[in-house]
Amino acid sequence: MNFTTFEVENSLRATAIDTLQRKVTVYLNERADINNVIVNGFTLSPSTGVWADSAMYLNGIDMSSPLTTQLSLYHDYEWTITAIQEIERYFTVEQQIGSSVIDVPGCRVIAYVSSSAPLANLLVKSIKLGPSVATMTPEISGKRVDFTRLLEVDVTAHGRTSKWSIYVLPKEESVTTERVDAWSCVAWLYGAGEAGKDNGFEYRKADSDSWIKLSESQITADGGSFVGRLTGLQPTTSYVARAYSGADYGAEVSFTTQGTAQMPNSDFENWWLDGKVWDPWAEGGERYWDTGNKGATTLGSSNTYPSDDTPDGNGRSACLETRFVGVGVIGKLAAGNIFAGEYVKTDGTNGILSFGRPWNLRPTRLRGWFKYHSAPISNVSSDFDADKLKGTPDTGIVWIALIDSDEPFEIRTNPKNRQLFDPEGQEVVAYGKAEWSKDVTDWTQFEITLDYKSTQRVPKYLLCTASASSLGDYFTGGNGSILMLDNFELMFDY
């Protein structure tokens, strides 16, 4: 008994529904009142179920903290509903060093300024402490304020007022090297200095005395905080970096870059035929990749298999074919796919998959070669509007992600307890994808850039998957779509 859809007013993006953990997560924009969220609509599976609290939720509910509710169908199923609202907040003053510390639960702001800053008559350059609909009393943006003592302001939104405390403190150090996040061929440098000054970084190899100045094009500044992207480094090599602001230098920070690695069998050379199931590894060899063939072969033959058609005419490639498997109209669409992980078991005619292999490096890009034939979408699940999708071009997809959860990500395609990967999930460190909805008849190189949520988080698993039909997890796609892949390569520099 599950939620299949859940829509609220002022949503920022689609609601995430985790049927295994029975969790609904809604994402609110800044205009939303998190203390009075209106549910616009929902659907349940199966449709004969009952949501006991639906009337109360449809009239508006306080989602400032997680809520529990029950769905009923022969038994009661407890669900948790959580709202996440990201509100942009900032505070800047003249001669500020670094970024302000904004403590939302404590309604407190701390900013540091140069020791020469006029605290008794300091210009507030910008301030925003509440949602976009909030007002502030007194209004201090663009005004000179006495910060020799605590300043308090009232921030009002949706009829509720919070009192914020603002502290501005002098700082003896004019520049600090805050940290270095070292990858394989890239390092991210974080510093704080006085806003408006010449702020940047220098670096050197640990065994060299010559400092190299990082170019301005590789530095991003936000007031007195600045970040440098240092590229072209050698793997497993020691370096030293320091921040500067004007003529002053921060402390020297030593760091060592990570090594590099590739995904095993990423050229898709190794295969063996186990009965009627094609497996993407050598018999008795390392199982890094897997496919949905074990599910597809319950009603037909393998729809992911090796091919002698390759970019250079040598070796093998992977051929992923979307195919309707079954007899007559009895069966379902099986999207050709391949993924780093393991096919766990078949649930009826659905799959349970373990996505991800252990990994702690931070690649920047994935390169590979592909060919694609897009067949018109012939099969559409009840999750979508068939009239809008049927007959439109199918879409092939390759995506890669890094996650820092303690175990691989479990995929379930059964609608009763479906769980699919969410690129915006909290466990996601980085993600990137490439999609094609037109025929590409010649071998063509593609490149996917990984978009990192944080330069500091270290992944625990790498997920990489491809499908001839991007909606294949919903058994939706075009019978006859074919995606061919070869020579995947992880890159570690920009």
Protein backbone atom coordinates (compact mmCIF):
# COMPACT_ATOMS: atom_id res chain seq x y z
CA MET A 1 0.00 0.00 0.00
CA ASN A 2 1.93 3.03 -1.27
CA PHE A 3 1.78 6.63 -2.35
CA THR A 4 2.43 6.79 -6.10
CA THR A 5 2.14 10.60 -6.42
CA PHE A 6 2.07 13.44 -3.88
CA GLU A 7 1.77 17.07 -4.97
CA VAL A 8 1.84 20.21 -2.84
CA GLU A 9 1.48 23.95 -3.46
CA ASN A 10 4.66 25.94 -4.05
CA SER A 11 6.78 22.90 -4.75
CA LEU A 12 10.37 23.43 -5.89
CA ARG A 13 10.66 20.11 -7.71
CA ALA A 14 9.04 16.69 -7.92
CA THR A 15 8.23 14.87 -4.69
CA ALA A 16 10.50 11.92 -3.80
CA ILE A 17 8.64 8.75 -2.78
CA ASP A 18 10.58 5.90 -1.13
CA THR A 19 8.25 2.90 -1.05
CA LEU A 20 10.74 0.67 0.80
CA GLN A 21 11.20 3.06 3.73
CA ARG A 22 7.64 4.42 3.32
CA LYS A 23 8.85 8.01 3.12
CA VAL A 24 7.54 11.00 1.18
CA THR A 25 9.82 14.03 0.81
CA VAL A 26 8.40 17.27 -0.61
CA TYR A 27 10.61 20.16 -1.72
CA LEU A 28 9.22 23.66 -1.12
CA ASN A 29 10.24 26.93 -2.75
CA GLU A 30 10.80 30.14 -0.76
CA ARG A 31 7.21 31.35 -1.18
CA ALA A 32 5.80 28.33 0.64
CA ASP A 33 4.64 28.52 4.24
CA ILE A 34 6.18 25.36 5.70
CA ASN A 35 3.85 25.68 8.69
CA ASN A 36 0.77 25.51 6.44
CA VAL A 37 1.47 23.32 3.40
CA ILE A 38 -1.49 22.54 1.11
CA VAL A 39 -1.56 19.11 -0.55
CA ASN A 40 -2.93 19.58 -4.07
CA GLY A 41 -3.42 15.90 -4.74
CA PHE A 42 -2.12 12.37 -4.34
CA THR A 43 -2.62 8.87 -5.71
CA LEU A 44 -2.36 5.50 -3.96
CA SER A 45 -1.50 2.02 -5.18
CA PRO A 46 -3.65 -0.01 -5.27
CA SER A 47 -6.50 2.44 -5.80
CA THR A 48 -8.74 0.67 -3.27
CA GLY A 49 -6.57 1.83 -0.37
CA VAL A 50 -7.43 4.61 2.07
CA TRP A 51 -5.39 7.50 3.45
CA ALA A 52 -7.00 8.23 6.78
CA ASP A 53 -5.54 11.73 7.22
CA SER A 54 -6.14 12.98 3.67
CA ALA A 55 -8.82 15.55 4.56
CA MET A 56 -6.61 17.16 7.18
CA TYR A 57 -3.62 17.37 4.80
CA LEU A 58 -5.66 18.80 1.95
CA ASN A 59 -6.69 21.67 4.25
CA GLY A 60 -3.10 22.58 5.10
CA ILE A 61 -0.66 21.05 7.56
CA ASP A 62 2.41 22.08 9.56
CA MET A 63 5.40 20.38 7.92
CA SER A 64 8.12 22.20 9.86
CA SER A 65 9.00 18.78 11.31
CA PRO A 66 8.47 15.24 9.92
CA LEU A 67 4.95 13.83 10.19
CA THR A 68 3.66 10.28 10.42
CA THR A 69 0.46 9.10 8.79
CA GLN A 70 -1.23 5.82 7.89
CA LEU A 71 -2.38 4.17 4.69
CA SER A 72 -4.81 1.31 5.09
CA LEU A 73 -5.60 -1.75 3.00
CA TYR A 74 -6.37 -4.79 5.15
CA HIS A 75 -3.44 -3.60 7.32
CA ASP A 76 -2.18 -0.20 8.45
CA TYR A 77 1.05 1.07 6.85
CA GLU A 78 2.86 3.92 8.60
CA TRP A 79 4.47 6.55 6.36
CA THR A 80 6.68 9.54 7.17
CA ILE A 81 6.17 12.81 5.30
CA THR A 82 8.97 15.37 5.36
CA ALA A 83 9.23 18.84 3.84
CA ILE A 84 12.56 20.39 2.81
CA GLN A 85 12.75 24.11 2.17
CA GLU A 86 15.98 25.78 1.17
CA ILE A 87 15.99 29.53 1.86
CA GLU A 88 18.82 31.74 0.62
CA ARG A 89 20.23 33.82 3.47
CA TYR A 90 23.15 36.24 3.47
CA PHE A 91 24.69 39.19 5.31
CA THR A 92 27.62 41.30 4.12
CA VAL A 93 29.31 44.47 5.41
CA GLU A 94 32.21 46.59 4.21
CA GLN A 95 35.73 45.34 4.97
CA GLN A 96 34.32 41.89 5.71
CA ILE A 97 36.69 38.95 5.95
CA GLY A 98 35.25 35.68 4.68
CA SER A 99 31.56 34.79 4.67
CA SER A 100 29.09 35.35 7.48
CA VAL A 101 28.13 32.46 9.73
CA ILE A 102 24.33 32.18 9.65
CA ASP A 103 22.87 30.01 12.41
CA VAL A 104 19.26 29.44 11.31
CA PRO A 105 17.99 27.46 14.35
CA GLY A 106 19.55 30.01 16.71
CA CYS A 107 18.52 33.04 14.58
CA ARG A 108 22.04 34.37 14.84
CA VAL A 109 24.54 35.95 12.42
CA ILE A 110 28.28 36.35 13.00
CA ALA A 111 30.47 38.33 10.60
CA TYR A 112 34.17 39.16 10.85
CA VAL A 113 35.75 42.38 9.60
CA SER A 114 39.21 43.85 9.33
CA SER A 115 40.65 45.24 12.57
CA SER A 116 40.65 48.67 10.89
CA ALA A 117 36.90 48.57 10.07
CA PRO A 118 34.78 51.40 11.63
CA LEU A 119 32.52 49.24 13.82
CA ALA A 120 30.54 52.23 15.10
CA ASN A 121 29.59 53.34 11.58
CA LEU A 122 29.79 50.24 9.35
CA LEU A 123 28.02 49.96 5.98
CA VAL A 124 25.68 46.98 5.57
CA LYS A 125 26.11 45.99 1.91
CA SER A 126 23.41 43.28 1.78
CA ILE A 127 21.14 41.29 4.07
CA LYS A 128 18.48 38.59 3.65
CA LEU A 129 17.58 36.42 6.62
CA GLY A 130 14.16 35.05 5.65
CA PRO A 131 12.22 33.79 2.65
CA SER A 132 11.59 35.99 -0.38
CA VAL A 133 8.22 37.11 1.06
CA ALA A 134 9.72 38.26 4.39
CA THR A 135 10.06 41.82 5.70
CA MET A 136 12.69 43.07 8.13
CA THR A 137 12.51 45.69 10.89
CA PRO A 138 14.55 47.84 11.04
CA GLU A 139 15.61 47.81 7.40
CA ILE A 140 19.40 48.15 7.46
CA SER A 141 20.48 47.19 3.94
CA GLY A 142 22.57 49.95 2.41
CA LYS A 143 22.76 51.84 5.71
CA ARG A 144 25.55 52.54 8.19
CA VAL A 145 25.00 50.83 11.53
CA ASP A 146 26.66 50.81 14.95
CA PHE A 147 28.03 47.30 15.49
CA THR A 148 30.00 48.00 18.64
CA ARG A 149 27.20 46.11 20.38
CA LEU A 150 24.69 43.42 19.47
CA LEU A 151 22.14 44.42 16.81
CA GLU A 152 18.71 42.76 16.73
CA VAL A 153 16.27 42.76 13.79
CA ASP A 154 12.78 41.28 13.40
CA VAL A 155 12.12 39.10 10.33
CA THR A 156 8.42 38.55 9.55
CA ALA A 157 6.95 36.04 7.10
CA HIS A 158 3.48 34.44 6.87
CA GLY A 159 2.35 36.35 9.97
CA ARG A 160 5.14 35.04 12.20
CA THR A 161 8.13 37.05 13.48
CA SER A 162 11.60 35.83 14.42
CA LYS A 163 14.14 37.97 16.25
CA TRP A 164 17.65 37.69 14.79
CA SER A 165 20.86 38.67 16.58
CA ILE A 166 23.71 40.08 14.48
CA TYR A 167 27.30 40.18 15.74
CA VAL A 168 30.12 41.90 13.82
CA LEU A 169 33.56 41.17 15.26
CA PRO A 170 37.04 42.44 14.36
CA LYS A 171 39.59 39.87 13.25
CA GLU A 172 43.36 40.22 13.51
CA GLU A 173 44.11 37.85 10.63
CA SER A 174 43.37 39.48 7.28
CA VAL A 175 43.49 36.20 5.31
CA THR A 176 43.13 32.49 6.11
CA THR A 177 43.68 29.32 4.09
CA GLU A 178 40.60 27.48 5.25
CA ARG A 179 41.05 24.03 3.66
CA VAL A 180 42.08 22.03 0.60
CA ASP A 181 39.96 19.25 -0.91
CA ALA A 182 42.39 17.11 -2.90
CA TRP A 183 41.11 14.85 -5.71
CA SER A 184 43.28 12.97 -8.23
CA CYS A 185 44.34 15.67 -10.72
CA VAL A 186 42.32 18.53 -9.20
CA ALA A 187 42.39 20.30 -5.84
CA TRP A 188 39.81 22.75 -4.50
CA LEU A 189 41.29 25.56 -2.40
CA TYR A 190 39.16 27.53 0.07
CA GLY A 191 40.20 30.88 1.52
CA ALA A 192 38.88 33.95 3.31
CA GLY A 193 40.13 37.50 2.99
CA GLU A 194 38.89 41.07 2.88
CA ALA A 195 36.20 41.58 0.24
CA GLY A 196 37.32 43.81 -2.62
CA LYS A 197 41.02 43.10 -2.25
CA ASP A 198 43.18 41.04 -4.59
CA ASN A 199 42.34 37.59 -3.18
CA GLY A 200 43.70 34.32 -4.52
CA PHE A 201 45.98 31.33 -4.05
CA GLU A 202 49.53 30.17 -4.66
CA TYR A 203 50.73 26.58 -4.75
CA ARG A 204 53.89 24.52 -5.23
CA LYS A 205 55.04 20.93 -5.20
CA ALA A 206 56.11 19.87 -1.74
CA ASP A 207 59.70 19.36 -2.93
CA SER A 208 59.88 22.76 -4.67
CA ASP A 209 60.52 26.28 -3.35
CA SER A 210 58.85 28.02 -6.32
CA TRP A 211 55.31 29.27 -5.79
CA ILE A 212 52.87 29.35 -8.71
CA LYS A 213 50.00 31.84 -8.68
CA LEU A 214 46.59 30.42 -9.55
CA SER A 215 45.04 32.34 -12.45
CA GLU A 216 42.00 34.55 -11.83
CA SER A 217 39.95 32.43 -14.25
CA GLN A 218 40.23 29.52 -11.79
CA ILE A 219 39.01 31.52 -8.78
CA THR A 220 35.40 32.15 -7.77
CA ALA A 221 34.74 34.84 -5.16
CA ASP A 222 31.69 35.45 -2.98
CA GLY A 223 32.42 38.58 -0.99
CA GLY A 224 35.38 37.81 1.23
CA SER A 225 35.24 34.07 0.60
CA PHE A 226 36.98 32.65 -2.44
CA VAL A 227 37.47 29.19 -3.97
CA GLY A 228 40.20 28.09 -6.34
CA ARG A 229 40.02 25.13 -8.76
CA LEU A 230 43.57 23.91 -9.19
CA THR A 231 43.88 21.61 -12.22
CA GLY A 232 46.69 19.77 -13.99
CA LEU A 233 48.02 18.09 -10.84
CA GLN A 234 49.77 14.73 -10.81
CA PRO A 235 48.08 11.82 -9.00
CA THR A 236 49.55 10.59 -5.68
CA THR A 237 51.75 13.69 -5.40
CA SER A 238 52.30 16.03 -2.46
CA TYR A 239 51.70 19.79 -2.79
CA VAL A 240 51.45 22.92 -0.62
CA ALA A 241 48.96 25.78 -1.06
CA ARG A 242 48.28 29.11 0.61
CA ALA A 243 45.72 31.90 0.26
CA TYR A 244 46.63 35.56 -0.12
CA SER A 245 44.74 38.83 0.26
CA GLY A 246 46.58 41.89 -0.96
CA ALA A 247 50.12 41.62 0.40
CA ASP A 248 49.18 39.22 3.23
CA TYR A 249 49.39 35.42 3.16
CA GLY A 250 47.46 32.73 4.99
CA ALA A 251 48.91 29.58 6.50
CA GLU A 252 50.47 26.96 4.22
CA VAL A 253 48.38 23.78 3.86
CA SER A 254 49.96 20.51 2.69
CA PHE A 255 47.95 17.95 0.73
CA THR A 256 48.43 14.81 -1.37
CA THR A 257 46.38 13.99 -4.44
CA GLN A 258 44.52 10.69 -4.86
CA GLY A 259 45.36 8.06 -7.44
CA THR A 260 43.29 7.14 -10.51
CA ALA A 261 41.43 3.99 -11.57
CA GLN A 262 39.09 2.67 -14.25
CA MET A 263 35.99 0.51 -14.02
CA PRO A 264 36.88 -3.13 -14.82
CA ASN A 265 35.77 -4.41 -18.24
CA SER A 266 34.79 -0.88 -19.25
CA ASP A 267 35.71 -1.76 -22.82
CA PHE A 268 33.01 -4.49 -22.68
CA GLU A 269 35.35 -7.14 -24.10
CA ASN A 270 34.50 -9.92 -21.64
CA TRP A 271 31.23 -11.89 -21.92
CA TRP A 272 30.02 -15.41 -21.43
CA LEU A 273 26.77 -17.20 -22.20
CA ASP A 274 25.27 -18.90 -19.14
CA GLY A 275 22.42 -20.91 -20.66
CA LYS A 276 20.45 -18.24 -22.48
CA VAL A 277 21.68 -15.38 -20.27
CA TRP A 278 24.53 -13.23 -21.60
CA ASP A 279 26.71 -12.01 -18.70
CA PRO A 280 29.12 -9.05 -19.15
CA TRP A 281 32.13 -10.75 -17.56
CA ALA A 282 34.45 -13.63 -18.45
CA GLU A 283 33.42 -17.05 -17.16
CA GLY A 284 34.87 -17.29 -13.66
CA GLY A 285 36.09 -13.70 -13.91
CA GLU A 286 35.28 -10.49 -12.00
CA ARG A 287 31.61 -9.51 -11.99
CA TYR A 288 31.62 -5.72 -12.15
CA TRP A 289 28.81 -5.08 -14.64
CA ASP A 290 25.43 -6.81 -14.85
CA THR A 291 22.26 -6.56 -16.91
CA GLY A 292 18.54 -7.17 -16.66
CA ASN A 293 18.91 -10.31 -18.78
CA LYS A 294 17.90 -12.61 -15.94
CA GLY A 295 14.54 -10.84 -15.87
CA ALA A 296 14.17 -10.60 -19.65
CA THR A 297 14.91 -14.29 -20.14
CA THR A 298 11.96 -15.32 -17.98
CA LEU A 299 9.82 -14.49 -21.05
CA GLY A 300 12.37 -14.43 -23.89
CA SER A 301 16.06 -14.22 -24.74
CA SER A 302 18.80 -11.86 -23.54
CA ASN A 303 18.31 -8.33 -24.80
CA THR A 304 21.77 -7.10 -23.75
CA TYR A 305 24.56 -8.99 -25.51
CA PRO A 306 28.03 -8.60 -27.08
CA SER A 307 28.56 -7.33 -30.60
CA ASP A 308 31.54 -7.43 -32.99
CA ASP A 309 30.60 -3.93 -34.21
CA THR A 310 33.14 -1.62 -32.52
CA PRO A 311 34.55 1.90 -33.15
CA ASP A 312 37.93 0.60 -34.37
CA GLY A 313 36.77 -2.73 -35.79
CA ASN A 314 38.46 -4.77 -33.07
CA GLY A 315 37.11 -6.63 -30.07
CA ARG A 316 33.56 -6.38 -28.73
CA SER A 317 31.02 -3.79 -27.70
CA ALA A 318 27.80 -3.94 -25.64
CA CYS A 319 24.50 -3.99 -27.51
CA LEU A 320 21.41 -2.97 -25.50
CA GLU A 321 18.10 -3.73 -27.21
CA THR A 322 14.63 -2.79 -25.97
CA ARG A 323 12.29 -5.61 -26.78
CA PHE A 324 8.74 -6.72 -25.96
CA VAL A 325 9.16 -10.15 -24.41
CA GLY A 326 6.33 -12.66 -24.07
CA VAL A 327 3.71 -14.35 -26.22
CA GLY A 328 1.19 -12.26 -28.16
CA VAL A 329 -0.03 -9.46 -25.91
CA ILE A 330 0.98 -11.36 -22.76
CA GLY A 331 4.32 -10.01 -21.55
CA LYS A 332 6.00 -6.69 -21.04
CA LEU A 333 8.59 -4.36 -22.46
CA ALA A 334 12.17 -5.11 -21.38
CA ALA A 335 14.63 -2.28 -21.91
CA GLY A 336 18.15 -3.31 -22.86
CA ASN A 337 20.43 -2.16 -20.05
CA ILE A 338 23.81 -2.59 -18.41
CA PHE A 339 24.95 -1.30 -15.01
CA ALA A 340 27.77 -1.43 -12.49
CA GLY A 341 26.35 -3.67 -9.82
CA GLU A 342 24.44 -6.91 -9.57
CA TYR A 343 21.06 -8.31 -10.58
CA VAL A 344 19.79 -9.59 -7.22
CA LYS A 345 16.62 -11.47 -8.13
CA THR A 346 13.41 -11.47 -10.13
CA ASP A 347 10.22 -10.39 -8.37
CA GLY A 348 7.51 -11.92 -10.55
CA THR A 349 8.43 -10.31 -13.87
CA ASN A 350 10.14 -7.36 -12.18
CA GLY A 351 13.73 -6.88 -11.15
CA ILE A 352 15.53 -6.16 -7.90
CA LEU A 353 18.96 -4.72 -8.64
CA SER A 354 21.95 -3.63 -6.57
CA PHE A 355 23.39 -0.47 -8.17
CA GLY A 356 26.97 0.50 -7.35
CA ARG A 357 30.49 -0.80 -6.77
CA PRO A 358 32.87 0.35 -3.97
CA TRP A 359 34.67 3.56 -4.94
CA ASN A 360 36.38 6.49 -3.19
CA LEU A 361 37.90 8.51 -6.05
CA ARG A 362 36.40 11.64 -7.62
CA PRO A 363 36.49 11.52 -11.43
CA THR A 364 35.46 14.63 -13.33
CA ARG A 365 34.07 13.08 -16.53
CA LEU A 366 33.05 9.85 -18.23
CA ARG A 367 33.93 9.35 -21.88
CA GLY A 368 32.73 6.61 -24.17
CA TRP A 369 31.53 5.67 -27.64
CA PHE A 370 27.96 5.02 -28.73
CA LYS A 371 25.54 4.33 -31.59
CA TYR A 372 21.78 4.62 -31.19
CA HIS A 373 18.59 3.69 -33.00
CA SER A 374 15.47 5.31 -31.54
CA ALA A 375 12.27 3.37 -32.15
CA PRO A 376 8.87 5.06 -31.62
CA ILE A 377 7.59 4.46 -28.09
CA SER A 378 5.25 1.47 -28.37
CA ASN A 379 4.54 0.59 -24.74
CA VAL A 380 3.55 3.04 -22.00
CA SER A 381 2.93 2.24 -18.34
CA SER A 382 0.03 3.66 -16.37
CA ASP A 383 2.47 6.11 -14.75
CA PHE A 384 2.39 8.25 -17.90
CA ASP A 385 -0.07 9.77 -20.36
CA ALA A 386 -0.06 7.19 -23.16
CA ASP A 387 -1.61 9.62 -25.65
CA LYS A 388 1.31 12.01 -25.21
CA LEU A 389 4.10 9.43 -25.24
CA LYS A 390 3.03 6.75 -27.72
CA GLY A 391 4.67 7.19 -31.08
CA THR A 392 7.22 9.74 -29.86
CA PRO A 393 10.94 8.91 -30.20
CA ASP A 394 12.45 6.69 -27.54
CA THR A 395 15.45 8.04 -25.62
CA GLY A 396 18.70 6.24 -24.85
CA ILE A 397 20.60 7.17 -21.72
CA VAL A 398 23.94 6.75 -19.94
CA TRP A 399 24.33 8.11 -16.44
CA ILE A 400 26.97 8.01 -13.73
CA ALA A 401 26.72 8.88 -10.03
CA LEU A 402 28.78 8.78 -6.87
CA ILE A 403 27.04 8.16 -3.54
CA ASP A 404 28.26 8.11 0.07
CA SER A 405 25.65 5.78 1.57
CA ASP A 406 26.93 2.72 3.46
CA GLU A 407 25.66 0.22 0.89
CA PRO A 408 24.79 0.05 -2.82
CA PHE A 409 21.51 1.55 -3.99
CA GLU A 410 18.68 -0.97 -4.34
CA ILE A 411 16.49 -0.62 -7.42
CA ARG A 412 13.00 -2.17 -7.46
CA THR A 413 10.88 -1.97 -10.60
CA ASN A 414 7.73 -3.60 -9.15
CA PRO A 415 5.07 -0.83 -9.00
CA LYS A 416 3.92 -2.14 -5.60
CA ASN A 417 7.22 -1.27 -3.95
CA ARG A 418 9.04 0.64 -6.67
CA GLN A 419 12.28 2.36 -5.75
CA LEU A 420 14.30 4.18 -8.42
CA PHE A 421 17.42 6.30 -8.23
CA ASP A 422 16.90 10.00 -7.53
CA PRO A 423 19.78 12.23 -8.74
CA GLU A 424 18.78 14.76 -6.09
CA GLY A 425 18.85 12.20 -3.25
CA GLN A 426 20.69 13.10 -0.06
CA GLU A 427 23.21 10.29 -0.59
CA VAL A 428 24.29 11.64 -4.00
CA VAL A 429 27.75 13.23 -4.12
CA ALA A 430 27.89 13.74 -7.90
CA TYR A 431 25.81 12.95 -10.98
CA GLY A 432 25.86 13.36 -14.74
CA LYS A 433 24.02 11.95 -17.75
CA ALA A 434 23.83 11.90 -21.54
CA GLU A 435 20.63 11.22 -23.50
CA TRP A 436 19.83 10.71 -27.20
CA SER A 437 16.44 10.62 -28.90
CA LYS A 438 17.60 10.61 -32.54
CA ASP A 439 19.35 7.96 -34.62
CA VAL A 440 23.16 8.12 -34.48
CA THR A 441 24.31 5.60 -37.08
CA ASP A 442 28.08 6.09 -36.79
CA TRP A 443 30.20 5.46 -33.73
CA THR A 444 30.37 8.79 -31.90
CA GLN A 445 32.23 9.80 -28.77
CA PHE A 446 30.20 11.17 -25.84
CA GLU A 447 31.36 12.89 -22.67
CA ILE A 448 29.52 13.32 -19.37
CA THR A 449 30.68 15.89 -16.80
CA LEU A 450 29.98 14.97 -13.20
CA ASP A 451 28.20 17.71 -11.26
CA TYR A 452 29.39 17.59 -7.63
CA LYS A 453 27.22 18.76 -4.74
CA SER A 454 30.30 19.09 -2.56
CA THR A 455 34.03 19.00 -3.19
CA GLN A 456 34.61 17.69 0.34
CA ARG A 457 32.37 14.60 0.50
CA VAL A 458 34.15 11.33 -0.30
CA PRO A 459 32.04 8.76 -2.17
CA LYS A 460 31.69 5.14 -1.14
CA TYR A 461 30.09 3.73 -4.31
CA LEU A 462 30.17 4.43 -8.04
CA LEU A 463 26.96 3.90 -10.03
CA CYS A 464 27.06 3.75 -13.81
CA THR A 465 24.20 2.54 -15.96
CA ALA A 466 22.91 2.69 -19.52
CA SER A 467 19.61 1.82 -21.17
CA ALA A 468 18.22 1.83 -24.67
CA SER A 469 15.02 3.31 -23.15
CA SER A 470 15.36 5.99 -20.46
CA LEU A 471 11.92 5.09 -19.05
CA GLY A 472 12.67 1.39 -19.06
CA ASP A 473 12.31 1.16 -15.27
CA TYR A 474 8.62 1.92 -15.90
CA PHE A 475 8.45 -0.67 -18.74
CA THR A 476 7.97 2.22 -21.14
CA GLY A 477 9.87 2.54 -24.42
CA GLY A 478 10.10 1.62 -28.07
CA ASN A 479 10.22 -2.00 -29.18
CA GLY A 480 13.41 -2.17 -31.26
CA SER A 481 15.41 0.72 -29.76
CA ILE A 482 19.11 -0.19 -29.73
CA LEU A 483 21.97 1.48 -27.84
CA MET A 484 25.51 0.27 -28.54
CA LEU A 485 28.37 1.21 -26.19
CA ASP A 486 32.12 0.78 -26.06
CA ASN A 487 35.30 1.96 -24.37
CA PHE A 488 34.12 3.77 -21.24
CA GLU A 489 36.90 5.84 -19.66
CA LEU A 490 36.92 7.89 -16.46
CA MET A 491 38.74 11.23 -16.65
CA PHE A 492 40.19 12.96 -13.60
CA ASP A 493 40.93 16.51 -14.76
CA TYR A 494 39.02 19.42 -16.32
